[in-house]
């Protein structure tokens, strides 16, 4: 059973680097196969993040042109993540603004880059 989605707002997020390894590569491969992922996401990163001074986590960082399907995308990501890592594990999802996107791009490579020409940078 999947954990319920929780929404929170982090005032300060520091991007520490890419999270990568065999299980993470499998997760990334499954995520890009989600229905609508290519349409709704411009770039996606899997990053280690630090919230404030103390709380670190791994986050799926999504840069998207639209905010229309965030809840649906988060629910689908949660289903895949919990099927792979169990219902007690957690994955944060950060919908990046322009400034955050620039910062995460400095330390991580996107595992997904849309070829959709409606996105701009």
C-alpha atoms as a PDB file:
ATOM      1  CA  UNK A   1       0.000   0.000   0.000  1.00  0.00           C
ATOM      2  CA  UNK A   2       1.279   3.420  -0.958  1.00  0.00           C
ATOM      3  CA  UNK A   3       1.800   6.140   1.634  1.00  0.00           C
ATOM      4  CA  UNK A   4      -0.618   9.056   1.288  1.00  0.00           C
ATOM      5  CA  UNK A   5       0.796  12.095  -0.494  1.00  0.00           C
ATOM      6  CA  UNK A   6       1.865  14.933   1.757  1.00  0.00           C
ATOM      7  CA  UNK A   7       2.499  18.435   0.489  1.00  0.00           C
ATOM      8  CA  UNK A   8       4.966  20.766   2.171  1.00  0.00           C
ATOM      9  CA  UNK A   9       6.733  23.976   1.284  1.00  0.00           C
ATOM     10  CA  UNK A  10      10.474  24.196   1.867  1.00  0.00           C
ATOM     11  CA  UNK A  11      11.765  27.708   2.308  1.00  0.00           C
ATOM     12  CA  UNK A  12      15.363  26.722   1.627  1.00  0.00           C
ATOM     13  CA  UNK A  13      16.542  23.865  -0.599  1.00  0.00           C
ATOM     14  CA  UNK A  14      20.175  23.118  -1.393  1.00  0.00           C
ATOM     15  CA  UNK A  15      20.944  20.689  -4.196  1.00  0.00           C
ATOM     16  CA  UNK A  16      23.887  18.470  -3.218  1.00  0.00           C
ATOM     17  CA  UNK A  17      24.318  16.288  -6.286  1.00  0.00           C
ATOM     18  CA  UNK A  18      22.887  13.520  -8.376  1.00  0.00           C
ATOM     19  CA  UNK A  19      21.536  10.347  -6.764  1.00  0.00           C
ATOM     20  CA  UNK A  20      22.556   7.469  -8.987  1.00  0.00           C
ATOM     21  CA  UNK A  21      23.092   3.743  -8.752  1.00  0.00           C
ATOM     22  CA  UNK A  22      21.459   0.567 -10.086  1.00  0.00           C
ATOM     23  CA  UNK A  23      18.138   0.965  -8.198  1.00  0.00           C
ATOM     24  CA  UNK A  24      17.962   4.651  -9.079  1.00  0.00           C
ATOM     25  CA  UNK A  25      18.558   3.897 -12.764  1.00  0.00           C
ATOM     26  CA  UNK A  26      15.685   1.428 -12.706  1.00  0.00           C
ATOM     27  CA  UNK A  27      13.458   4.038 -11.041  1.00  0.00           C
ATOM     28  CA  UNK A  28      14.409   6.626 -13.656  1.00  0.00           C
ATOM     29  CA  UNK A  29      13.696   4.182 -16.483  1.00  0.00           C
ATOM     30  CA  UNK A  30      10.247   3.449 -15.065  1.00  0.00           C
ATOM     31  CA  UNK A  31       9.437   7.110 -14.505  1.00  0.00           C
ATOM     32  CA  UNK A  32      10.090   8.139 -18.092  1.00  0.00           C
ATOM     33  CA  UNK A  33       7.621   5.460 -19.222  1.00  0.00           C
ATOM     34  CA  UNK A  34       4.758   7.002 -17.232  1.00  0.00           C
ATOM     35  CA  UNK A  35       1.803   8.050 -19.379  1.00  0.00           C
ATOM     36  CA  UNK A  36       2.081  11.766 -20.047  1.00  0.00           C
ATOM     37  CA  UNK A  37       5.578  12.148 -18.578  1.00  0.00           C
ATOM     38  CA  UNK A  38       7.036  13.415 -21.849  1.00  0.00           C
ATOM     39  CA  UNK A  39       4.146  15.834 -22.337  1.00  0.00           C
ATOM     40  CA  UNK A  40       4.138  17.251 -18.797  1.00  0.00           C
ATOM     41  CA  UNK A  41       7.848  17.333 -17.894  1.00  0.00           C
ATOM     42  CA  UNK A  42      10.583  19.376 -19.538  1.00  0.00           C
ATOM     43  CA  UNK A  43      13.473  18.047 -17.435  1.00  0.00           C
ATOM     44  CA  UNK A  44      13.733  15.640 -14.526  1.00  0.00           C
ATOM     45  CA  UNK A  45      16.554  15.071 -12.051  1.00  0.00           C
ATOM     46  CA  UNK A  46      17.057  12.672  -9.146  1.00  0.00           C
ATOM     47  CA  UNK A  47      19.031  14.657  -6.589  1.00  0.00           C
ATOM     48  CA  UNK A  48      20.239  14.629  -3.030  1.00  0.00           C
ATOM     49  CA  UNK A  49      18.833  17.709  -1.331  1.00  0.00           C
ATOM     50  CA  UNK A  50      19.211  19.485   1.976  1.00  0.00           C
ATOM     51  CA  UNK A  51      16.299  21.366   3.510  1.00  0.00           C
ATOM     52  CA  UNK A  52      17.457  24.184   5.739  1.00  0.00           C
ATOM     53  CA  UNK A  53      20.335  23.069   7.946  1.00  0.00           C
ATOM     54  CA  UNK A  54      19.341  19.575   8.904  1.00  0.00           C
ATOM     55  CA  UNK A  55      16.904  17.502   6.849  1.00  0.00           C
ATOM     56  CA  UNK A  56      18.458  15.761   3.849  1.00  0.00           C
ATOM     57  CA  UNK A  57      16.590  13.579   1.417  1.00  0.00           C
ATOM     58  CA  UNK A  58      16.470  12.293  -2.132  1.00  0.00           C
ATOM     59  CA  UNK A  59      14.088  14.172  -4.389  1.00  0.00           C
ATOM     60  CA  UNK A  60      12.691  13.834  -7.841  1.00  0.00           C
ATOM     61  CA  UNK A  61      13.153  17.347  -9.187  1.00  0.00           C
ATOM     62  CA  UNK A  62      10.757  18.176 -11.995  1.00  0.00           C
ATOM     63  CA  UNK A  63      10.929  21.212 -14.233  1.00  0.00           C
ATOM     64  CA  UNK A  64       7.628  21.578 -16.058  1.00  0.00           C
ATOM     65  CA  UNK A  65       6.005  24.166 -18.263  1.00  0.00           C
ATOM     66  CA  UNK A  66       2.577  23.591 -16.742  1.00  0.00           C
ATOM     67  CA  UNK A  67       1.237  23.120 -13.226  1.00  0.00           C
ATOM     68  CA  UNK A  68      -1.935  21.383 -14.421  1.00  0.00           C
ATOM     69  CA  UNK A  69      -1.074  17.759 -13.701  1.00  0.00           C
ATOM     70  CA  UNK A  70       1.141  17.923 -10.606  1.00  0.00           C
ATOM     71  CA  UNK A  71      -1.135  15.856  -8.348  1.00  0.00           C
ATOM     72  CA  UNK A  72      -1.639  13.163 -10.975  1.00  0.00           C
ATOM     73  CA  UNK A  73       2.073  12.992 -11.739  1.00  0.00           C
ATOM     74  CA  UNK A  74       2.961  12.841  -8.024  1.00  0.00           C
ATOM     75  CA  UNK A  75       0.486   9.998  -7.463  1.00  0.00           C
ATOM     76  CA  UNK A  76       1.863   7.974 -10.394  1.00  0.00           C
ATOM     77  CA  UNK A  77       5.456   8.550  -9.241  1.00  0.00           C
ATOM     78  CA  UNK A  78       4.455   7.479  -5.723  1.00  0.00           C
ATOM     79  CA  UNK A  79       2.969   4.234  -7.005  1.00  0.00           C
ATOM     80  CA  UNK A  80       6.113   3.332  -8.913  1.00  0.00           C
ATOM     81  CA  UNK A  81       8.400   4.322  -6.057  1.00  0.00           C
ATOM     82  CA  UNK A  82       6.474   2.367  -3.412  1.00  0.00           C
ATOM     83  CA  UNK A  83       6.294  -0.719  -5.660  1.00  0.00           C
ATOM     84  CA  UNK A  84      10.091  -0.663  -5.915  1.00  0.00           C
ATOM     85  CA  UNK A  85      11.170   0.452  -2.434  1.00  0.00           C
ATOM     86  CA  UNK A  86       8.214  -0.387  -0.181  1.00  0.00           C
ATOM     87  CA  UNK A  87       5.477   1.696   1.322  1.00  0.00           C
ATOM     88  CA  UNK A  88       7.610   2.976   4.200  1.00  0.00           C
ATOM     89  CA  UNK A  89      10.225   4.558   1.928  1.00  0.00           C
ATOM     90  CA  UNK A  90       9.711   8.124   0.815  1.00  0.00           C
ATOM     91  CA  UNK A  91      10.645  10.166  -2.213  1.00  0.00           C
ATOM     92  CA  UNK A  92      10.218  13.911  -2.218  1.00  0.00           C
ATOM     93  CA  UNK A  93       9.063  15.564  -5.417  1.00  0.00           C
ATOM     94  CA  UNK A  94      10.122  19.140  -6.022  1.00  0.00           C
ATOM     95  CA  UNK A  95       8.407  21.064  -8.787  1.00  0.00           C
ATOM     96  CA  UNK A  96      11.211  23.457  -9.652  1.00  0.00           C
ATOM     97  CA  UNK A  97      10.884  27.157 -10.278  1.00  0.00           C
ATOM     98  CA  UNK A  98      13.338  28.906 -12.644  1.00  0.00           C
ATOM     99  CA  UNK A  99      15.888  29.662  -9.906  1.00  0.00           C
ATOM    100  CA  UNK A 100      15.803  26.148  -8.463  1.00  0.00           C
ATOM    101  CA  UNK A 101      16.111  24.666 -11.942  1.00  0.00           C
ATOM    102  CA  UNK A 102      19.269  26.669 -12.557  1.00  0.00           C
ATOM    103  CA  UNK A 103      20.743  25.481  -9.239  1.00  0.00           C
ATOM    104  CA  UNK A 104      19.980  21.787  -9.675  1.00  0.00           C
ATOM    105  CA  UNK A 105      21.307  21.888 -13.244  1.00  0.00           C
ATOM    106  CA  UNK A 106      24.680  23.061 -11.864  1.00  0.00           C
ATOM    107  CA  UNK A 107      25.214  19.822  -9.923  1.00  0.00           C
ATOM    108  CA  UNK A 108      23.064  17.193 -11.671  1.00  0.00           C
ATOM    109  CA  UNK A 109      22.472  15.857 -15.136  1.00  0.00           C
ATOM    110  CA  UNK A 110      18.827  15.468 -16.120  1.00  0.00           C
ATOM    111  CA  UNK A 111      17.803  11.857 -16.572  1.00  0.00           C
ATOM    112  CA  UNK A 112      14.983  13.124 -18.759  1.00  0.00           C
ATOM    113  CA  UNK A 113      15.101  15.970 -21.267  1.00  0.00           C
ATOM    114  CA  UNK A 114      11.976  16.654 -23.292  1.00  0.00           C
ATOM    115  CA  UNK A 115      12.212  17.133 -27.002  1.00  0.00           C
ATOM    116  CA  UNK A 116       8.861  18.940 -26.871  1.00  0.00           C
ATOM    117  CA  UNK A 117       9.485  22.288 -28.606  1.00  0.00           C
ATOM    118  CA  UNK A 118       6.919  24.145 -26.471  1.00  0.00           C
ATOM    119  CA  UNK A 119       9.356  24.255 -23.552  1.00  0.00           C
ATOM    120  CA  UNK A 120      11.921  26.991 -23.406  1.00  0.00           C
ATOM    121  CA  UNK A 121      14.985  27.779 -21.349  1.00  0.00           C
END
